[in-house]
Every structure is written in C-alpha cells, then in structure tokens.
Amino acid sequence: DLAGLVEMGIFANYQVVPSVRLTAGYEFMYLPGFATVPDQ
C-alpha cells in the first residue's frame, strides 16, 4: 500500500574548534498509511 513521511525539526550548533561542533535540536516524524495493532 501507499504510505508517506513528513519530518520537521529545529536545530542549533556551536563550533568548538574548526573541525568539531556540538549540535542540539527537536523534531517530529509523521508516518501516514502504516499498519498498527490498534488499527486491526
């Protein structure tokens, strides 16, 4: 069957040295068209 995905998020990063950076964020994933136990 046909299914889909929508993924969105926000993020920030901080440069420690030129080759290393730290990251943080928050996000969600929405998956329509999937089979689940309650749906049966």
Full PDB file with SEQRES, HELIX, SHEET, SSBOND, CRYST1, ORIGX, SCALE, CONECT and MASTER records, all heavy atoms in Angstrom:
SEQRES   1 A   40  ASP LEU ALA GLY LEU VAL GLU MET GLY ILE PHE ALA ASN          
SEQRES   2 A   40  TYR GLN VAL VAL PRO SER VAL ARG LEU THR ALA GLY TYR          
SEQRES   3 A   40  GLU PHE MET TYR LEU PRO GLY PHE ALA THR VAL PRO ASP          
SEQRES   4 A   40  GLN                                                          
SHEET    1 AA1 2 VAL A   6  VAL A  17  0                                        
SHEET    2 AA1 2 VAL A  20  TYR A  30 -1                                        
CRYST1    1.000    1.000    1.000  90.00  90.00  90.00 P 1           1          
ORIGX1      1.000000  0.000000  0.000000        0.00000                         
ORIGX2      0.000000  1.000000  0.000000        0.00000                         
ORIGX3      0.000000  0.000000  1.000000        0.00000                         
SCALE1      1.000000  0.000000  0.000000        0.00000                         
SCALE2      0.000000  1.000000  0.000000        0.00000                         
SCALE3      0.000000  0.000000  1.000000        0.00000                         
ATOM      1  N   ASP A   1       0.831  -1.197   0.000  1.00  0.00           N  
ATOM      2  CA  ASP A   1       0.000   0.000   0.000  1.00  0.00           C  
ATOM      3  C   ASP A   1       0.868   1.249   0.000  1.00  0.00           C  
ATOM      4  O   ASP A   1       2.085   1.191   0.228  1.00  0.00           O  
ATOM      5  CB  ASP A   1      -0.927  -0.004   1.222  1.00  0.00           C  
ATOM      6  CG  ASP A   1      -1.921  -1.136   1.191  1.00  0.00           C  
ATOM      7  OD1 ASP A   1      -2.921  -1.032   0.472  1.00  0.00           O  
ATOM      8  OD2 ASP A   1      -1.674  -2.148   1.890  1.00  0.00           O  
ATOM      9  N   LEU A   2       0.227   2.376  -0.225  1.00  0.00           N  
ATOM     10  CA  LEU A   2       0.906   3.668  -0.264  1.00  0.00           C  
ATOM     11  C   LEU A   2       1.024   4.239   1.143  1.00  0.00           C  
ATOM     12  O   LEU A   2       0.049   4.233   1.908  1.00  0.00           O  
ATOM     13  CB  LEU A   2       0.135   4.638  -1.162  1.00  0.00           C  
ATOM     14  CG  LEU A   2       0.816   5.973  -1.485  1.00  0.00           C  
ATOM     15  CD1 LEU A   2       2.063   5.742  -2.339  1.00  0.00           C  
ATOM     16  CD2 LEU A   2      -0.161   6.889  -2.222  1.00  0.00           C  
ATOM     17  N   ALA A   3       2.198   4.718   1.487  1.00  0.00           N  
ATOM     18  CA  ALA A   3       2.443   5.355   2.781  1.00  0.00           C  
ATOM     19  C   ALA A   3       3.311   6.589   2.554  1.00  0.00           C  
ATOM     20  O   ALA A   3       3.756   6.867   1.434  1.00  0.00           O  
ATOM     21  CB  ALA A   3       3.105   4.386   3.751  1.00  0.00           C  
ATOM     22  N   GLY A   4       3.558   7.326   3.623  1.00  0.00           N  
ATOM     23  CA  GLY A   4       4.329   8.554   3.472  1.00  0.00           C  
ATOM     24  C   GLY A   4       5.077   8.923   4.733  1.00  0.00           C  
ATOM     25  O   GLY A   4       5.007   8.244   5.768  1.00  0.00           O  
ATOM     26  N   LEU A   5       5.814  10.018   4.641  1.00  0.00           N  
ATOM     27  CA  LEU A   5       6.559  10.551   5.783  1.00  0.00           C  
ATOM     28  C   LEU A   5       6.673  12.054   5.654  1.00  0.00           C  
ATOM     29  O   LEU A   5       6.925  12.579   4.560  1.00  0.00           O  
ATOM     30  CB  LEU A   5       7.956   9.942   5.858  1.00  0.00           C  
ATOM     31  CG  LEU A   5       8.925  10.561   6.882  1.00  0.00           C  
ATOM     32  CD1 LEU A   5       9.731   9.493   7.594  1.00  0.00           C  
ATOM     33  CD2 LEU A   5       9.881  11.562   6.235  1.00  0.00           C  
ATOM     34  N   VAL A   6       6.484  12.753   6.761  1.00  0.00           N  
ATOM     35  CA  VAL A   6       6.799  14.174   6.890  1.00  0.00           C  
ATOM     36  C   VAL A   6       7.657  14.321   8.135  1.00  0.00           C  
ATOM     37  O   VAL A   6       7.244  13.928   9.231  1.00  0.00           O  
ATOM     38  CB  VAL A   6       5.538  15.045   7.001  1.00  0.00           C  
ATOM     39  CG1 VAL A   6       5.931  16.506   7.232  1.00  0.00           C  
ATOM     40  CG2 VAL A   6       4.679  14.913   5.758  1.00  0.00           C  
ATOM     41  N   GLU A   7       8.858  14.859   7.966  1.00  0.00           N  
ATOM     42  CA  GLU A   7       9.800  15.030   9.078  1.00  0.00           C  
ATOM     43  C   GLU A   7      10.221  16.490   9.150  1.00  0.00           C  
ATOM     44  O   GLU A   7      10.668  17.066   8.151  1.00  0.00           O  
ATOM     45  CB  GLU A   7      11.019  14.131   8.880  1.00  0.00           C  
ATOM     46  CG  GLU A   7      12.064  14.227   9.972  1.00  0.00           C  
ATOM     47  CD  GLU A   7      13.238  13.297   9.740  1.00  0.00           C  
ATOM     48  OE1 GLU A   7      13.090  12.325   8.964  1.00  0.00           O  
ATOM     49  OE2 GLU A   7      14.313  13.547  10.316  1.00  0.00           O  
ATOM     50  N   MET A   8      10.088  17.107  10.323  1.00  0.00           N  
ATOM     51  CA  MET A   8      10.455  18.506  10.515  1.00  0.00           C  
ATOM     52  C   MET A   8      11.211  18.645  11.826  1.00  0.00           C  
ATOM     53  O   MET A   8      10.982  17.891  12.775  1.00  0.00           O  
ATOM     54  CB  MET A   8       9.214  19.399  10.548  1.00  0.00           C  
ATOM     55  CG  MET A   8       8.446  19.456   9.247  1.00  0.00           C  
ATOM     56  SD  MET A   8       9.345  20.318   7.930  1.00  0.00           S  
ATOM     57  CE  MET A   8       9.418  21.980   8.600  1.00  0.00           C  
ATOM     58  N   GLY A   9      12.120  19.621  11.869  1.00  0.00           N  
ATOM     59  CA  GLY A   9      12.865  19.840  13.099  1.00  0.00           C  
ATOM     60  C   GLY A   9      13.542  21.194  13.142  1.00  0.00           C  
ATOM     61  O   GLY A   9      13.706  21.868  12.116  1.00  0.00           O  
ATOM     62  N   ILE A  10      13.909  21.598  14.340  1.00  0.00           N  
ATOM     63  CA  ILE A  10      14.714  22.795  14.559  1.00  0.00           C  
ATOM     64  C   ILE A  10      16.040  22.359  15.171  1.00  0.00           C  
ATOM     65  O   ILE A  10      16.113  21.308  15.810  1.00  0.00           O  
ATOM     66  CB  ILE A  10      14.003  23.813  15.466  1.00  0.00           C  
ATOM     67  CG1 ILE A  10      13.670  23.175  16.825  1.00  0.00           C  
ATOM     68  CG2 ILE A  10      12.748  24.339  14.805  1.00  0.00           C  
ATOM     69  CD1 ILE A  10      13.093  24.142  17.826  1.00  0.00           C  
ATOM     70  N   PHE A  11      17.087  23.142  14.967  1.00  0.00           N  
ATOM     71  CA  PHE A  11      18.399  22.746  15.472  1.00  0.00           C  
ATOM     72  C   PHE A  11      19.252  23.970  15.727  1.00  0.00           C  
ATOM     73  O   PHE A  11      18.962  25.082  15.260  1.00  0.00           O  
ATOM     74  CB  PHE A  11      19.111  21.831  14.473  1.00  0.00           C  
ATOM     75  CG  PHE A  11      19.528  22.531  13.206  1.00  0.00           C  
ATOM     76  CD1 PHE A  11      20.784  23.120  13.098  1.00  0.00           C  
ATOM     77  CD2 PHE A  11      18.669  22.630  12.132  1.00  0.00           C  
ATOM     78  CE1 PHE A  11      21.162  23.787  11.939  1.00  0.00           C  
ATOM     79  CE2 PHE A  11      19.027  23.289  10.975  1.00  0.00           C  
ATOM     80  CZ  PHE A  11      20.287  23.868  10.880  1.00  0.00           C  
ATOM     81  N   ALA A  12      20.326  23.773  16.477  1.00  0.00           N  
ATOM     82  CA  ALA A  12      21.359  24.780  16.695  1.00  0.00           C  
ATOM     83  C   ALA A  12      22.680  24.049  16.824  1.00  0.00           C  
ATOM     84  O   ALA A  12      22.721  22.876  17.220  1.00  0.00           O  
ATOM     85  CB  ALA A  12      21.077  25.595  17.954  1.00  0.00           C  
ATOM     86  N   ASN A  13      23.768  24.727  16.449  1.00  0.00           N  
ATOM     87  CA  ASN A  13      25.085  24.130  16.628  1.00  0.00           C  
ATOM     88  C   ASN A  13      26.085  25.168  17.100  1.00  0.00           C  
ATOM     89  O   ASN A  13      25.916  26.362  16.857  1.00  0.00           O  
ATOM     90  CB  ASN A  13      25.574  23.439  15.351  1.00  0.00           C  
ATOM     91  CG  ASN A  13      25.675  24.393  14.182  1.00  0.00           C  
ATOM     92  OD1 ASN A  13      26.473  25.324  14.211  1.00  0.00           O  
ATOM     93  ND2 ASN A  13      24.886  24.162  13.146  1.00  0.00           N  
ATOM     94  N   TYR A  14      27.097  24.687  17.786  1.00  0.00           N  
ATOM     95  CA  TYR A  14      28.152  25.551  18.336  1.00  0.00           C  
ATOM     96  C   TYR A  14      29.503  25.004  17.937  1.00  0.00           C  
ATOM     97  O   TYR A  14      29.803  23.823  18.144  1.00  0.00           O  
ATOM     98  CB  TYR A  14      28.055  25.617  19.860  1.00  0.00           C  
ATOM     99  CG  TYR A  14      29.147  26.450  20.498  1.00  0.00           C  
ATOM    100  CD1 TYR A  14      29.064  27.843  20.499  1.00  0.00           C  
ATOM    101  CD2 TYR A  14      30.255  25.838  21.073  1.00  0.00           C  
ATOM    102  CE1 TYR A  14      30.069  28.609  21.072  1.00  0.00           C  
ATOM    103  CE2 TYR A  14      31.264  26.599  21.643  1.00  0.00           C  
ATOM    104  CZ  TYR A  14      31.163  27.984  21.640  1.00  0.00           C  
ATOM    105  OH  TYR A  14      32.168  28.744  22.200  1.00  0.00           O  
ATOM    106  N   GLN A  15      30.324  25.881  17.328  1.00  0.00           N  
ATOM    107  CA  GLN A  15      31.638  25.500  16.844  1.00  0.00           C  
ATOM    108  C   GLN A  15      32.642  25.493  17.990  1.00  0.00           C  
ATOM    109  O   GLN A  15      32.934  26.529  18.579  1.00  0.00           O  
ATOM    110  CB  GLN A  15      32.087  26.480  15.759  1.00  0.00           C  
ATOM    111  CG  GLN A  15      33.123  25.921  14.834  1.00  0.00           C  
ATOM    112  CD  GLN A  15      32.520  24.853  13.934  1.00  0.00           C  
ATOM    113  OE1 GLN A  15      31.386  24.970  13.525  1.00  0.00           O  
ATOM    114  NE2 GLN A  15      33.280  23.817  13.661  1.00  0.00           N  
ATOM    115  N   VAL A  16      33.177  24.312  18.317  1.00  0.00           N  
ATOM    116  CA  VAL A  16      34.168  24.218  19.379  1.00  0.00           C  
ATOM    117  C   VAL A  16      35.553  24.540  18.827  1.00  0.00           C  
ATOM    118  O   VAL A  16      36.267  25.405  19.342  1.00  0.00           O  
ATOM    119  CB  VAL A  16      34.146  22.818  20.013  1.00  0.00           C  
ATOM    120  CG1 VAL A  16      35.172  22.732  21.142  1.00  0.00           C  
ATOM    121  CG2 VAL A  16      32.758  22.503  20.551  1.00  0.00           C  
ATOM    122  N   VAL A  17      35.947  23.824  17.787  1.00  0.00           N  
ATOM    123  CA  VAL A  17      37.176  24.068  17.025  1.00  0.00           C  
ATOM    124  C   VAL A  17      36.771  23.942  15.566  1.00  0.00           C  
ATOM    125  O   VAL A  17      35.661  23.499  15.258  1.00  0.00           O  
ATOM    126  CB  VAL A  17      38.293  23.068  17.398  1.00  0.00           C  
ATOM    127  CG1 VAL A  17      38.741  23.253  18.835  1.00  0.00           C  
ATOM    128  CG2 VAL A  17      37.833  21.636  17.173  1.00  0.00           C  
ATOM    129  N   PRO A  18      37.638  24.316  14.604  1.00  0.00           N  
ATOM    130  CA  PRO A  18      37.237  24.281  13.201  1.00  0.00           C  
ATOM    131  C   PRO A  18      36.697  22.951  12.712  1.00  0.00           C  
ATOM    132  O   PRO A  18      35.884  22.922  11.790  1.00  0.00           O  
ATOM    133  CB  PRO A  18      38.532  24.661  12.460  1.00  0.00           C  
ATOM    134  CG  PRO A  18      39.259  25.534  13.421  1.00  0.00           C  
ATOM    135  CD  PRO A  18      38.962  24.968  14.773  1.00  0.00           C  
ATOM    136  N   SER A  19      37.116  21.851  13.309  1.00  0.00           N  
ATOM    137  CA  SER A  19      36.670  20.544  12.814  1.00  0.00           C  
ATOM    138  C   SER A  19      35.682  19.840  13.735  1.00  0.00           C  
ATOM    139  O   SER A  19      35.303  18.704  13.466  1.00  0.00           O  
ATOM    140  CB  SER A  19      37.878  19.621  12.596  1.00  0.00           C  
ATOM    141  OG  SER A  19      38.693  20.119  11.556  1.00  0.00           O  
ATOM    142  N   VAL A  20      35.244  20.469  14.792  1.00  0.00           N  
ATOM    143  CA  VAL A  20      34.316  19.847  15.746  1.00  0.00           C  
ATOM    144  C   VAL A  20      33.243  20.855  16.135  1.00  0.00           C  
ATOM    145  O   VAL A  20      33.556  22.000  16.466  1.00  0.00           O  
ATOM    146  CB  VAL A  20      35.045  19.364  17.016  1.00  0.00           C  
ATOM    147  CG1 VAL A  20      34.052  18.751  18.004  1.00  0.00           C  
ATOM    148  CG2 VAL A  20      36.136  18.365  16.671  1.00  0.00           C  
ATOM    149  N   ARG A  21      31.998  20.411  16.091  1.00  0.00           N  
ATOM    150  CA  ARG A  21      30.924  21.257  16.580  1.00  0.00           C  
ATOM    151  C   ARG A  21      29.894  20.430  17.334  1.00  0.00           C  
ATOM    152  O   ARG A  21      29.713  19.238  17.082  1.00  0.00           O  
ATOM    153  CB  ARG A  21      30.247  22.014  15.444  1.00  0.00           C  
ATOM    154  CG  ARG A  21      29.429  21.176  14.492  1.00  0.00           C  
ATOM    155  CD  ARG A  21      28.772  22.061  13.453  1.00  0.00           C  
ATOM    156  NE  ARG A  21      27.945  21.299  12.525  1.00  0.00           N  
ATOM    157  CZ  ARG A  21      27.307  21.838  11.507  1.00  0.00           C  
ATOM    158  NH1 ARG A  21      27.417  23.137  11.288  1.00  0.00           N  
ATOM    159  NH2 ARG A  21      26.571  21.107  10.703  1.00  0.00           N  
ATOM    160  N   LEU A  22      29.224  21.059  18.285  1.00  0.00           N  
ATOM    161  CA  LEU A  22      28.177  20.440  19.076  1.00  0.00           C  
ATOM    162  C   LEU A  22      26.820  20.820  18.497  1.00  0.00           C  
ATOM    163  O   LEU A  22      26.643  21.941  17.998  1.00  0.00           O  
ATOM    164  CB  LEU A  22      28.271  20.887  20.532  1.00  0.00           C  
ATOM    165  CG  LEU A  22      29.607  20.628  21.237  1.00  0.00           C  
ATOM    166  CD1 LEU A  22      29.553  21.157  22.662  1.00  0.00           C  
ATOM    167  CD2 LEU A  22      29.961  19.149  21.220  1.00  0.00           C  
ATOM    168  N   THR A  23      25.847  19.909  18.567  1.00  0.00           N  
ATOM    169  CA  THR A  23      24.530  20.149  17.991  1.00  0.00           C  
ATOM    170  C   THR A  23      23.444  19.823  19.010  1.00  0.00           C  
ATOM    171  O   THR A  23      23.640  19.023  19.932  1.00  0.00           O  
ATOM    172  CB  THR A  23      24.314  19.282  16.735  1.00  0.00           C  
ATOM    173  OG1 THR A  23      24.289  17.896  17.118  1.00  0.00           O  
ATOM    174  CG2 THR A  23      25.420  19.496  15.718  1.00  0.00           C  
ATOM    175  N   ALA A  24      22.282  20.441  18.826  1.00  0.00           N  
ATOM    176  CA  ALA A  24      21.104  20.155  19.636  1.00  0.00           C  
ATOM    177  C   ALA A  24      19.873  20.483  18.805  1.00  0.00           C  
ATOM    178  O   ALA A  24      19.919  21.351  17.920  1.00  0.00           O  
ATOM    179  CB  ALA A  24      21.121  20.967  20.935  1.00  0.00           C  
ATOM    180  N   GLY A  25      18.757  19.784  19.071  1.00  0.00           N  
ATOM    181  CA  GLY A  25      17.555  20.047  18.289  1.00  0.00           C  
ATOM    182  C   GLY A  25      16.347  19.326  18.831  1.00  0.00           C  
ATOM    183  O   GLY A  25      16.415  18.581  19.823  1.00  0.00           O  
ATOM    184  N   TYR A  26      15.216  19.554  18.156  1.00  0.00           N  
ATOM    185  CA  TYR A  26      13.959  18.869  18.471  1.00  0.00           C  
ATOM    186  C   TYR A  26      13.215  18.646  17.161  1.00  0.00           C  
ATOM    187  O   TYR A  26      13.229  19.520  16.278  1.00  0.00           O  
ATOM    188  CB  TYR A  26      13.096  19.690  19.423  1.00  0.00           C  
ATOM    189  CG  TYR A  26      12.094  18.854  20.180  1.00  0.00           C  
ATOM    190  CD1 TYR A  26      12.412  18.334  21.426  1.00  0.00           C  
ATOM    191  CD2 TYR A  26      10.840  18.545  19.647  1.00  0.00           C  
ATOM    192  CE1 TYR A  26      11.513  17.551  22.139  1.00  0.00           C  
ATOM    193  CE2 TYR A  26       9.942  17.752  20.337  1.00  0.00           C  
ATOM    194  CZ  TYR A  26      10.279  17.260  21.589  1.00  0.00           C  
ATOM    195  OH  TYR A  26       9.388  16.470  22.277  1.00  0.00           O  
ATOM    196  N   GLU A  27      12.556  17.495  17.017  1.00  0.00           N  
ATOM    197  CA  GLU A  27      11.946  17.165  15.737  1.00  0.00           C  
ATOM    198  C   GLU A  27      10.780  16.212  15.908  1.00  0.00           C  
ATOM    199  O   GLU A  27      10.581  15.630  16.986  1.00  0.00           O  
ATOM    200  CB  GLU A  27      12.967  16.551  14.794  1.00  0.00           C  
ATOM    201  CG  GLU A  27      13.564  15.243  15.288  1.00  0.00           C  
ATOM    202  CD  GLU A  27      14.745  14.805  14.444  1.00  0.00           C  
ATOM    203  OE1 GLU A  27      15.819  15.435  14.566  1.00  0.00           O  
ATOM    204  OE2 GLU A  27      14.577  13.857  13.660  1.00  0.00           O  
ATOM    205  N   PHE A  28      10.025  16.036  14.816  1.00  0.00           N  
ATOM    206  CA  PHE A  28       8.943  15.058  14.806  1.00  0.00           C  
ATOM    207  C   PHE A  28       8.914  14.347  13.462  1.00  0.00           C  
ATOM    208  O   PHE A  28       9.382  14.862  12.446  1.00  0.00           O  
ATOM    209  CB  PHE A  28       7.586  15.717  15.106  1.00  0.00           C  
ATOM    210  CG  PHE A  28       7.040  16.545  13.971  1.00  0.00           C  
ATOM    211  CD1 PHE A  28       6.312  15.960  12.944  1.00  0.00           C  
ATOM    212  CD2 PHE A  28       7.264  17.905  13.929  1.00  0.00           C  
ATOM    213  CE1 PHE A  28       5.808  16.714  11.898  1.00  0.00           C  
ATOM    214  CE2 PHE A  28       6.772  18.673  12.886  1.00  0.00           C  
ATOM    215  CZ  PHE A  28       6.033  18.078  11.863  1.00  0.00           C  
ATOM    216  N   MET A  29       8.346  13.134  13.459  1.00  0.00           N  
ATOM    217  CA  MET A  29       8.118  12.345  12.245  1.00  0.00           C  
ATOM    218  C   MET A  29       6.654  11.928  12.219  1.00  0.00           C  
ATOM    219  O   MET A  29       6.153  11.365  13.189  1.00  0.00           O  
ATOM    220  CB  MET A  29       9.001  11.096  12.208  1.00  0.00           C  
ATOM    221  CG  MET A  29      10.476  11.354  12.209  1.00  0.00           C  
ATOM    222  SD  MET A  29      11.398   9.787  12.101  1.00  0.00           S  
ATOM    223  CE  MET A  29      13.026  10.330  12.635  1.00  0.00           C  
ATOM    224  N   TYR A  30       6.013  12.181  11.103  1.00  0.00           N  
ATOM    225  CA  TYR A  30       4.615  11.806  10.906  1.00  0.00           C  
ATOM    226  C   TYR A  30       4.558  10.781   9.787  1.00  0.00           C  
ATOM    227  O   TYR A  30       5.017  11.042   8.669  1.00  0.00           O  
ATOM    228  CB  TYR A  30       3.790  13.037  10.565  1.00  0.00           C  
ATOM    229  CG  TYR A  30       2.365  12.748  10.160  1.00  0.00           C  
ATOM    230  CD1 TYR A  30       1.445  12.232  11.069  1.00  0.00           C  
ATOM    231  CD2 TYR A  30       1.942  12.995   8.855  1.00  0.00           C  
ATOM    232  CE1 TYR A  30       0.131  11.978  10.687  1.00  0.00           C  
ATOM    233  CE2 TYR A  30       0.627  12.754   8.468  1.00  0.00           C  
ATOM    234  CZ  TYR A  30      -0.259  12.232   9.391  1.00  0.00           C  
ATOM    235  OH  TYR A  30      -1.553  11.970   9.017  1.00  0.00           O  
ATOM    236  N   LEU A  31       4.020   9.577  10.082  1.00  0.00           N  
ATOM    237  CA  LEU A  31       4.020   8.457   9.142  1.00  0.00           C  
ATOM    238  C   LEU A  31       2.588   8.018   8.872  1.00  0.00           C  
ATOM    239  O   LEU A  31       2.034   7.180   9.607  1.00  0.00           O  
ATOM    240  CB  LEU A  31       4.822   7.285   9.716  1.00  0.00           C  
ATOM    241  CG  LEU A  31       6.282   7.562  10.094  1.00  0.00           C  
ATOM    242  CD1 LEU A  31       6.843   6.427  10.933  1.00  0.00           C  
ATOM    243  CD2 LEU A  31       7.121   7.766   8.852  1.00  0.00           C  
ATOM    244  N   PRO A  32       1.941   8.544   7.839  1.00  0.00           N  
ATOM    245  CA  PRO A  32       0.588   8.088   7.500  1.00  0.00           C  
ATOM    246  C   PRO A  32       0.627   6.826   6.639  1.00  0.00           C  
ATOM    247  O   PRO A  32       1.605   6.557   5.943  1.00  0.00           O  
ATOM    248  CB  PRO A  32       0.031   9.272   6.705  1.00  0.00           C  
ATOM    249  CG  PRO A  32       1.231   9.879   6.058  1.00  0.00           C  
ATOM    250  CD  PRO A  32       2.372   9.683   7.013  1.00  0.00           C  
ATOM    251  N   GLY A  33      -0.462   6.044   6.705  1.00  0.00           N  
ATOM    252  CA  GLY A  33      -0.571   4.853   5.870  1.00  0.00           C  
ATOM    253  C   GLY A  33       0.173   3.651   6.399  1.00  0.00           C  
ATOM    254  O   GLY A  33       0.502   2.739   5.632  1.00  0.00           O  
ATOM    255  N   PHE A  34       0.432   3.587   7.710  1.00  0.00           N  
ATOM    256  CA  PHE A  34       1.119   2.455   8.307  1.00  0.00           C  
ATOM    257  C   PHE A  34       0.122   1.583   9.068  1.00  0.00           C  
ATOM    258  O   PHE A  34      -0.877   2.072   9.605  1.00  0.00           O  
ATOM    259  CB  PHE A  34       2.225   2.920   9.248  1.00  0.00           C  
ATOM    260  CG  PHE A  34       3.511   3.259   8.542  1.00  0.00           C  
ATOM    261  CD1 PHE A  34       3.575   4.308   7.640  1.00  0.00           C  
ATOM    262  CD2 PHE A  34       4.661   2.521   8.772  1.00  0.00           C  
ATOM    263  CE1 PHE A  34       4.748   4.617   6.982  1.00  0.00           C  
ATOM    264  CE2 PHE A  34       5.837   2.818   8.118  1.00  0.00           C  
ATOM    265  CZ  PHE A  34       5.890   3.870   7.218  1.00  0.00           C  
ATOM    266  N   ALA A  35       0.396   0.296   9.115  1.00  0.00           N  
ATOM    267  CA  ALA A  35      -0.443  -0.639   9.855  1.00  0.00           C  
ATOM    268  C   ALA A  35       0.015  -0.700  11.306  1.00  0.00           C  
ATOM    269  O   ALA A  35       1.218  -0.751  11.592  1.00  0.00           O  
ATOM    270  CB  ALA A  35      -0.374  -2.027   9.226  1.00  0.00           C  
ATOM    271  N   THR A  36      -0.948  -0.700  12.239  1.00  0.00           N  
ATOM    272  CA  THR A  36      -0.669  -0.811  13.665  1.00  0.00           C  
ATOM    273  C   THR A  36      -1.608  -1.849  14.276  1.00  0.00           C  
ATOM    274  O   THR A  36      -2.625  -2.216  13.683  1.00  0.00           O  
ATOM    275  CB  THR A  36      -0.851   0.535  14.377  1.00  0.00           C  
ATOM    276  OG1 THR A  36      -2.231   0.915  14.304  1.00  0.00           O  
ATOM    277  CG2 THR A  36       0.015   1.621  13.731  1.00  0.00           C  
ATOM    278  N   VAL A  37      -1.277  -2.305  15.476  1.00  0.00           N  
ATOM    279  CA  VAL A  37      -2.126  -3.272  16.171  1.00  0.00           C  
ATOM    280  C   VAL A  37      -3.501  -2.682  16.486  1.00  0.00           C  
ATOM    281  O   VAL A  37      -4.531  -3.326  16.213  1.00  0.00           O  
ATOM    282  CB  VAL A  37      -1.422  -3.791  17.437  1.00  0.00           C  
ATOM    283  CG1 VAL A  37      -2.390  -4.602  18.287  1.00  0.00           C  
ATOM    284  CG2 VAL A  37      -0.207  -4.626  17.064  1.00  0.00           C  
ATOM    285  N   PRO A  38      -3.600  -1.471  17.061  1.00  0.00           N  
ATOM    286  CA  PRO A  38      -4.938  -0.936  17.347  1.00  0.00           C  
ATOM    287  C   PRO A  38      -5.802  -0.759  16.107  1.00  0.00           C  
ATOM    288  O   PRO A  38      -7.034  -0.815  16.202  1.00  0.00           O  
ATOM    289  CB  PRO A  38      -4.639   0.422  18.008  1.00  0.00           C  
ATOM    290  CG  PRO A  38      -3.279   0.256  18.585  1.00  0.00           C  
ATOM    291  CD  PRO A  38      -2.541  -0.596  17.614  1.00  0.00           C  
ATOM    292  N   ASP A  39      -5.180  -0.555  14.948  1.00  0.00           N  
ATOM    293  CA  ASP A  39      -5.948  -0.338  13.719  1.00  0.00           C  
ATOM    294  C   ASP A  39      -6.652  -1.607  13.238  1.00  0.00           C  
ATOM    295  O   ASP A  39      -7.547  -1.536  12.394  1.00  0.00           O  
ATOM    296  CB  ASP A  39      -5.010   0.189  12.626  1.00  0.00           C  
ATOM    297  CG  ASP A  39      -5.765   0.747  11.435  1.00  0.00           C  
ATOM    298  OD1 ASP A  39      -6.823   1.374  11.651  1.00  0.00           O  
ATOM    299  OD2 ASP A  39      -5.301   0.553  10.301  1.00  0.00           O  
ATOM    300  N   GLN A  40      -6.283  -2.762  13.761  1.00  0.00           N  
ATOM    301  CA  GLN A  40      -6.882  -4.020  13.283  1.00  0.00           C  
ATOM    302  C   GLN A  40      -8.258  -4.287  13.906  1.00  0.00           C  
ATOM    303  O   GLN A  40      -8.958  -5.217  13.478  1.00  0.00           O  
ATOM    304  CB  GLN A  40      -5.943  -5.190  13.579  1.00  0.00           C  
ATOM    305  CG  GLN A  40      -4.531  -5.012  13.048  1.00  0.00           C  
ATOM    306  CD  GLN A  40      -4.478  -4.554  11.600  1.00  0.00           C  
ATOM    307  OE1 GLN A  40      -5.036  -5.198  10.715  1.00  0.00           O  
ATOM    308  NE2 GLN A  40      -3.794  -3.435  11.353  1.00  0.00           N  
TER     309      GLN A  40                                                      
MASTER        0    0    0    0    2    0    0    6  308    1    0    4          
END                                                                             
